[in-house]
PDB file of all heavy atoms in Angstrom:
ATOM      1  N   SER A   1     -63.079 -64.788 161.640  1.00  0.00           N
ATOM      2  CA  SER A   1     -62.738 -65.063 163.031  1.00  0.00           C
ATOM      3  C   SER A   1     -61.251 -64.832 163.277  1.00  0.00           C
ATOM      4  O   SER A   1     -60.447 -64.769 162.339  1.00  0.00           O
ATOM      5  CB  SER A   1     -63.097 -66.510 163.400  1.00  0.00           C
ATOM      6  OG  SER A   1     -62.309 -67.429 162.664  1.00  0.00           O
ATOM      7  N   VAL A   2     -60.901 -64.702 164.541  1.00  0.00           N
ATOM      8  CA  VAL A   2     -59.498 -64.654 164.945  1.00  0.00           C
ATOM      9  C   VAL A   2     -59.291 -65.778 165.959  1.00  0.00           C
ATOM     10  O   VAL A   2     -60.231 -66.220 166.638  1.00  0.00           O
ATOM     11  CB  VAL A   2     -59.099 -63.304 165.553  1.00  0.00           C
ATOM     12  CG1 VAL A   2     -59.166 -62.203 164.497  1.00  0.00           C
ATOM     13  CG2 VAL A   2     -59.972 -62.954 166.759  1.00  0.00           C
ATOM     14  N   GLY A   3     -58.052 -66.250 166.042  1.00  0.00           N
ATOM     15  CA  GLY A   3     -57.775 -67.361 166.934  1.00  0.00           C
ATOM     16  C   GLY A   3     -56.481 -67.176 167.696  1.00  0.00           C
ATOM     17  O   GLY A   3     -55.585 -66.438 167.274  1.00  0.00           O
ATOM     18  N   LYS A   4     -56.404 -67.858 168.813  1.00  0.00           N
ATOM     19  CA  LYS A   4     -55.208 -67.827 169.646  1.00  0.00           C
ATOM     20  C   LYS A   4     -54.841 -69.256 170.026  1.00  0.00           C
ATOM     21  O   LYS A   4     -55.721 -70.080 170.317  1.00  0.00           O
ATOM     22  CB  LYS A   4     -55.464 -67.007 170.913  1.00  0.00           C
ATOM     23  CG  LYS A   4     -54.260 -66.893 171.841  1.00  0.00           C
ATOM     24  CD  LYS A   4     -54.604 -66.159 173.129  1.00  0.00           C
ATOM     25  CE  LYS A   4     -55.335 -67.058 174.095  1.00  0.00           C
ATOM     26  NZ  LYS A   4     -55.381 -66.507 175.472  1.00  0.00           N
ATOM     27  N   VAL A   5     -53.547 -69.543 170.000  1.00  0.00           N
ATOM     28  CA  VAL A   5     -53.068 -70.855 170.433  1.00  0.00           C
ATOM     29  C   VAL A   5     -51.974 -70.651 171.476  1.00  0.00           C
ATOM     30  O   VAL A   5     -50.960 -70.020 171.194  1.00  0.00           O
ATOM     31  CB  VAL A   5     -52.506 -71.682 169.252  1.00  0.00           C
ATOM     32  CG1 VAL A   5     -52.051 -73.054 169.747  1.00  0.00           C
ATOM     33  CG2 VAL A   5     -53.535 -71.832 168.145  1.00  0.00           C
ATOM     34  N   LYS A   6     -52.207 -71.169 172.665  1.00  0.00           N
ATOM     35  CA  LYS A   6     -51.210 -71.105 173.743  1.00  0.00           C
ATOM     36  C   LYS A   6     -50.577 -72.478 173.885  1.00  0.00           C
ATOM     37  O   LYS A   6     -51.258 -73.462 174.154  1.00  0.00           O
ATOM     38  CB  LYS A   6     -51.870 -70.675 175.046  1.00  0.00           C
ATOM     39  CG  LYS A   6     -50.903 -70.566 176.219  1.00  0.00           C
ATOM     40  CD  LYS A   6     -51.639 -70.170 177.494  1.00  0.00           C
ATOM     41  CE  LYS A   6     -50.708 -70.111 178.693  1.00  0.00           C
ATOM     42  NZ  LYS A   6     -51.441 -69.769 179.938  1.00  0.00           N
ATOM     43  N   ARG A   7     -49.259 -72.522 173.677  1.00  0.00           N
ATOM     44  CA  ARG A   7     -48.519 -73.791 173.761  1.00  0.00           C
ATOM     45  C   ARG A   7     -47.655 -73.791 175.020  1.00  0.00           C
ATOM     46  O   ARG A   7     -46.817 -72.907 175.192  1.00  0.00           O
ATOM     47  CB  ARG A   7     -47.639 -73.980 172.526  1.00  0.00           C
ATOM     48  CG  ARG A   7     -48.385 -73.991 171.207  1.00  0.00           C
ATOM     49  CD  ARG A   7     -47.411 -73.960 170.033  1.00  0.00           C
ATOM     50  NE  ARG A   7     -46.559 -75.146 170.020  1.00  0.00           N
ATOM     51  CZ  ARG A   7     -45.399 -75.198 169.368  1.00  0.00           C
ATOM     52  NH1 ARG A   7     -44.937 -74.139 168.718  1.00  0.00           N
ATOM     53  NH2 ARG A   7     -44.685 -76.317 169.382  1.00  0.00           N
ATOM     54  N   THR A   8     -47.872 -74.779 175.875  1.00  0.00           N
ATOM     55  CA  THR A   8     -47.057 -74.938 177.074  1.00  0.00           C
ATOM     56  C   THR A   8     -46.255 -76.224 176.924  1.00  0.00           C
ATOM     57  O   THR A   8     -46.825 -77.322 176.891  1.00  0.00           O
ATOM     58  CB  THR A   8     -47.929 -75.002 178.337  1.00  0.00           C
ATOM     59  OG1 THR A   8     -48.759 -73.824 178.389  1.00  0.00           O
ATOM     60  CG2 THR A   8     -47.071 -75.063 179.578  1.00  0.00           C
ATOM     61  N   ILE A   9     -44.948 -76.088 176.794  1.00  0.00           N
ATOM     62  CA  ILE A   9     -44.076 -77.227 176.502  1.00  0.00           C
ATOM     63  C   ILE A   9     -43.127 -77.471 177.669  1.00  0.00           C
ATOM     64  O   ILE A   9     -42.441 -76.547 178.123  1.00  0.00           O
ATOM     65  CB  ILE A   9     -43.265 -76.974 175.213  1.00  0.00           C
ATOM     66  CG1 ILE A   9     -44.210 -76.712 174.027  1.00  0.00           C
ATOM     67  CG2 ILE A   9     -42.334 -78.145 174.907  1.00  0.00           C
ATOM     68  CD1 ILE A   9     -43.510 -76.176 172.799  1.00  0.00           C
ATOM     69  N   THR A  10     -43.111 -78.709 178.136  1.00  0.00           N
ATOM     70  CA  THR A  10     -42.190 -79.103 179.202  1.00  0.00           C
ATOM     71  C   THR A  10     -41.245 -80.169 178.666  1.00  0.00           C
ATOM     72  O   THR A  10     -41.684 -81.219 178.181  1.00  0.00           O
ATOM     73  CB  THR A  10     -42.944 -79.642 180.428  1.00  0.00           C
ATOM     74  OG1 THR A  10     -43.860 -78.647 180.900  1.00  0.00           O
ATOM     75  CG2 THR A  10     -41.974 -79.997 181.541  1.00  0.00           C
ATOM     76  N   LYS A  11     -39.960 -79.879 178.737  1.00  0.00           N
ATOM     77  CA  LYS A  11     -38.942 -80.816 178.245  1.00  0.00           C
ATOM     78  C   LYS A  11     -37.695 -80.696 179.116  1.00  0.00           C
ATOM     79  O   LYS A  11     -37.226 -79.585 179.375  1.00  0.00           O
ATOM     80  CB  LYS A  11     -38.599 -80.517 176.786  1.00  0.00           C
ATOM     81  CG  LYS A  11     -37.661 -81.538 176.149  1.00  0.00           C
ATOM     82  CD  LYS A  11     -37.464 -81.261 174.667  1.00  0.00           C
ATOM     83  CE  LYS A  11     -36.576 -82.325 174.041  1.00  0.00           C
ATOM     84  NZ  LYS A  11     -36.370 -82.086 172.586  1.00  0.00           N
ATOM     85  N   ASN A  12     -37.199 -81.843 179.558  1.00  0.00           N
ATOM     86  CA  ASN A  12     -36.008 -81.887 180.421  1.00  0.00           C
ATOM     87  C   ASN A  12     -36.170 -80.998 181.651  1.00  0.00           C
ATOM     88  O   ASN A  12     -35.236 -80.309 182.070  1.00  0.00           O
ATOM     89  CB  ASN A  12     -34.757 -81.471 179.638  1.00  0.00           C
ATOM     90  CG  ASN A  12     -34.464 -82.397 178.470  1.00  0.00           C
ATOM     91  OD1 ASN A  12     -34.715 -83.600 178.554  1.00  0.00           O
ATOM     92  ND2 ASN A  12     -33.952 -81.839 177.382  1.00  0.00           N
ATOM     93  N   GLY A  13     -37.387 -80.992 182.203  1.00  0.00           N
ATOM     94  CA  GLY A  13     -37.646 -80.231 183.409  1.00  0.00           C
ATOM     95  C   GLY A  13     -37.826 -78.742 183.204  1.00  0.00           C
ATOM     96  O   GLY A  13     -38.065 -77.999 184.156  1.00  0.00           O
ATOM     97  N   LYS A  14     -37.750 -78.282 181.964  1.00  0.00           N
ATOM     98  CA  LYS A  14     -37.902 -76.858 181.670  1.00  0.00           C
ATOM     99  C   LYS A  14     -39.222 -76.608 180.939  1.00  0.00           C
ATOM    100  O   LYS A  14     -39.550 -77.308 179.983  1.00  0.00           O
ATOM    101  CB  LYS A  14     -36.736 -76.367 180.809  1.00  0.00           C
ATOM    102  CG  LYS A  14     -36.770 -74.879 180.522  1.00  0.00           C
ATOM    103  CD  LYS A  14     -35.578 -74.456 179.674  1.00  0.00           C
ATOM    104  CE  LYS A  14     -35.619 -72.966 179.365  1.00  0.00           C
ATOM    105  NZ  LYS A  14     -34.458 -72.528 178.531  1.00  0.00           N
ATOM    106  N   THR A  15     -39.968 -75.608 181.382  1.00  0.00           N
ATOM    107  CA  THR A  15     -41.264 -75.282 180.770  1.00  0.00           C
ATOM    108  C   THR A  15     -41.200 -73.938 180.040  1.00  0.00           C
ATOM    109  O   THR A  15     -40.717 -72.957 180.584  1.00  0.00           O
ATOM    110  CB  THR A  15     -42.371 -75.223 181.841  1.00  0.00           C
ATOM    111  OG1 THR A  15     -42.486 -76.508 182.475  1.00  0.00           O
ATOM    112  CG2 THR A  15     -43.714 -74.864 181.215  1.00  0.00           C
ATOM    113  N   THR A  16     -41.681 -73.938 178.803  1.00  0.00           N
ATOM    114  CA  THR A  16     -41.763 -72.704 178.013  1.00  0.00           C
ATOM    115  C   THR A  16     -43.205 -72.501 177.555  1.00  0.00           C
ATOM    116  O   THR A  16     -43.928 -73.474 177.317  1.00  0.00           O
ATOM    117  CB  THR A  16     -40.839 -72.754 176.775  1.00  0.00           C
ATOM    118  OG1 THR A  16     -41.212 -73.881 175.955  1.00  0.00           O
ATOM    119  CG2 THR A  16     -39.377 -72.887 177.188  1.00  0.00           C
ATOM    120  N   VAL A  17     -43.605 -71.251 177.450  1.00  0.00           N
ATOM    121  CA  VAL A  17     -44.958 -70.916 177.014  1.00  0.00           C
ATOM    122  C   VAL A  17     -44.875 -69.999 175.801  1.00  0.00           C
ATOM    123  O   VAL A  17     -44.146 -69.005 175.798  1.00  0.00           O
ATOM    124  CB  VAL A  17     -45.759 -70.224 178.139  1.00  0.00           C
ATOM    125  CG1 VAL A  17     -47.162 -69.859 177.647  1.00  0.00           C
ATOM    126  CG2 VAL A  17     -45.843 -71.118 179.370  1.00  0.00           C
ATOM    127  N   GLU A  18     -45.623 -70.337 174.757  1.00  0.00           N
ATOM    128  CA  GLU A  18     -45.650 -69.540 173.529  1.00  0.00           C
ATOM    129  C   GLU A  18     -47.098 -69.307 173.122  1.00  0.00           C
ATOM    130  O   GLU A  18     -47.917 -70.226 173.172  1.00  0.00           O
ATOM    131  CB  GLU A  18     -44.904 -70.291 172.411  1.00  0.00           C
ATOM    132  CG  GLU A  18     -44.904 -69.568 171.070  1.00  0.00           C
ATOM    133  CD  GLU A  18     -44.266 -70.394 169.965  1.00  0.00           C
ATOM    134  OE1 GLU A  18     -44.326 -71.643 170.044  1.00  0.00           O
ATOM    135  OE2 GLU A  18     -43.713 -69.806 169.017  1.00  0.00           O
ATOM    136  N   THR A  19     -47.413 -68.080 172.735  1.00  0.00           N
ATOM    137  CA  THR A  19     -48.769 -67.763 172.287  1.00  0.00           C
ATOM    138  C   THR A  19     -48.728 -67.283 170.843  1.00  0.00           C
ATOM    139  O   THR A  19     -47.964 -66.376 170.499  1.00  0.00           O
ATOM    140  CB  THR A  19     -49.406 -66.670 173.172  1.00  0.00           C
ATOM    141  OG1 THR A  19     -49.402 -67.109 174.537  1.00  0.00           O
ATOM    142  CG2 THR A  19     -50.842 -66.404 172.747  1.00  0.00           C
ATOM    143  N   LEU A  20     -49.540 -67.910 170.006  1.00  0.00           N
ATOM    144  CA  LEU A  20     -49.593 -67.598 168.582  1.00  0.00           C
ATOM    145  C   LEU A  20     -50.986 -67.090 168.231  1.00  0.00           C
ATOM    146  O   LEU A  20     -51.986 -67.517 168.822  1.00  0.00           O
ATOM    147  CB  LEU A  20     -49.269 -68.848 167.748  1.00  0.00           C
ATOM    148  CG  LEU A  20     -47.961 -69.574 168.100  1.00  0.00           C
ATOM    149  CD1 LEU A  20     -47.877 -70.904 167.372  1.00  0.00           C
ATOM    150  CD2 LEU A  20     -46.763 -68.706 167.755  1.00  0.00           C
ATOM    151  N   TYR A  21     -51.051 -66.195 167.230  1.00  0.00           N
ATOM    152  CA  TYR A  21     -52.326 -65.604 166.827  1.00  0.00           C
ATOM    153  C   TYR A  21     -52.582 -65.855 165.339  1.00  0.00           C
ATOM    154  O   TYR A  21     -51.646 -65.913 164.535  1.00  0.00           O
ATOM    155  CB  TYR A  21     -52.330 -64.105 167.122  1.00  0.00           C
ATOM    156  CG  TYR A  21     -52.152 -63.804 168.588  1.00  0.00           C
ATOM    157  CD1 TYR A  21     -50.884 -63.553 169.123  1.00  0.00           C
ATOM    158  CD2 TYR A  21     -53.240 -63.786 169.458  1.00  0.00           C
ATOM    159  CE1 TYR A  21     -50.715 -63.292 170.480  1.00  0.00           C
ATOM    160  CE2 TYR A  21     -53.080 -63.529 170.807  1.00  0.00           C
ATOM    161  CZ  TYR A  21     -51.813 -63.286 171.314  1.00  0.00           C
ATOM    162  OH  TYR A  21     -51.638 -63.032 172.656  1.00  0.00           O
ATOM    163  N   TYR A  22     -53.881 -65.977 164.995  1.00  0.00           N
ATOM    164  CA  TYR A  22     -54.263 -66.316 163.628  1.00  0.00           C
ATOM    165  C   TYR A  22     -55.492 -65.523 163.202  1.00  0.00           C
ATOM    166  O   TYR A  22     -56.310 -65.125 164.043  1.00  0.00           O
ATOM    167  CB  TYR A  22     -54.597 -67.813 163.515  1.00  0.00           C
ATOM    168  CG  TYR A  22     -53.431 -68.724 163.793  1.00  0.00           C
ATOM    169  CD1 TYR A  22     -53.103 -69.078 165.110  1.00  0.00           C
ATOM    170  CD2 TYR A  22     -52.643 -69.229 162.766  1.00  0.00           C
ATOM    171  CE1 TYR A  22     -52.028 -69.902 165.379  1.00  0.00           C
ATOM    172  CE2 TYR A  22     -51.570 -70.060 163.025  1.00  0.00           C
ATOM    173  CZ  TYR A  22     -51.265 -70.397 164.333  1.00  0.00           C
ATOM    174  OH  TYR A  22     -50.195 -71.217 164.605  1.00  0.00           O
ATOM    175  N   ILE A  23     -55.605 -65.320 161.891  1.00  0.00           N
ATOM    176  CA  ILE A  23     -56.851 -64.809 161.318  1.00  0.00           C
ATOM    177  C   ILE A  23     -57.394 -65.898 160.398  1.00  0.00           C
ATOM    178  O   ILE A  23     -56.633 -66.669 159.814  1.00  0.00           O
ATOM    179  CB  ILE A  23     -56.636 -63.494 160.541  1.00  0.00           C
ATOM    180  CG1 ILE A  23     -55.617 -63.668 159.400  1.00  0.00           C
ATOM    181  CG2 ILE A  23     -56.208 -62.381 161.477  1.00  0.00           C
ATOM    182  CD1 ILE A  23     -55.478 -62.453 158.505  1.00  0.00           C
ATOM    183  N   SER A  24     -58.718 -65.955 160.277  1.00  0.00           N
ATOM    184  CA  SER A  24     -59.306 -67.060 159.532  1.00  0.00           C
ATOM    185  C   SER A  24     -60.638 -66.673 158.900  1.00  0.00           C
ATOM    186  O   SER A  24     -61.355 -65.804 159.402  1.00  0.00           O
ATOM    187  CB  SER A  24     -59.516 -68.266 160.451  1.00  0.00           C
ATOM    188  OG  SER A  24     -60.147 -69.325 159.784  1.00  0.00           O
TER     189      SER A  24
END
């Protein structure tokens, strides 16, 4: 399988989005 993780982080009023990919 393959996987994706989307992380949405909000800190001090600022939002960042990061997408990571995996094989399994």
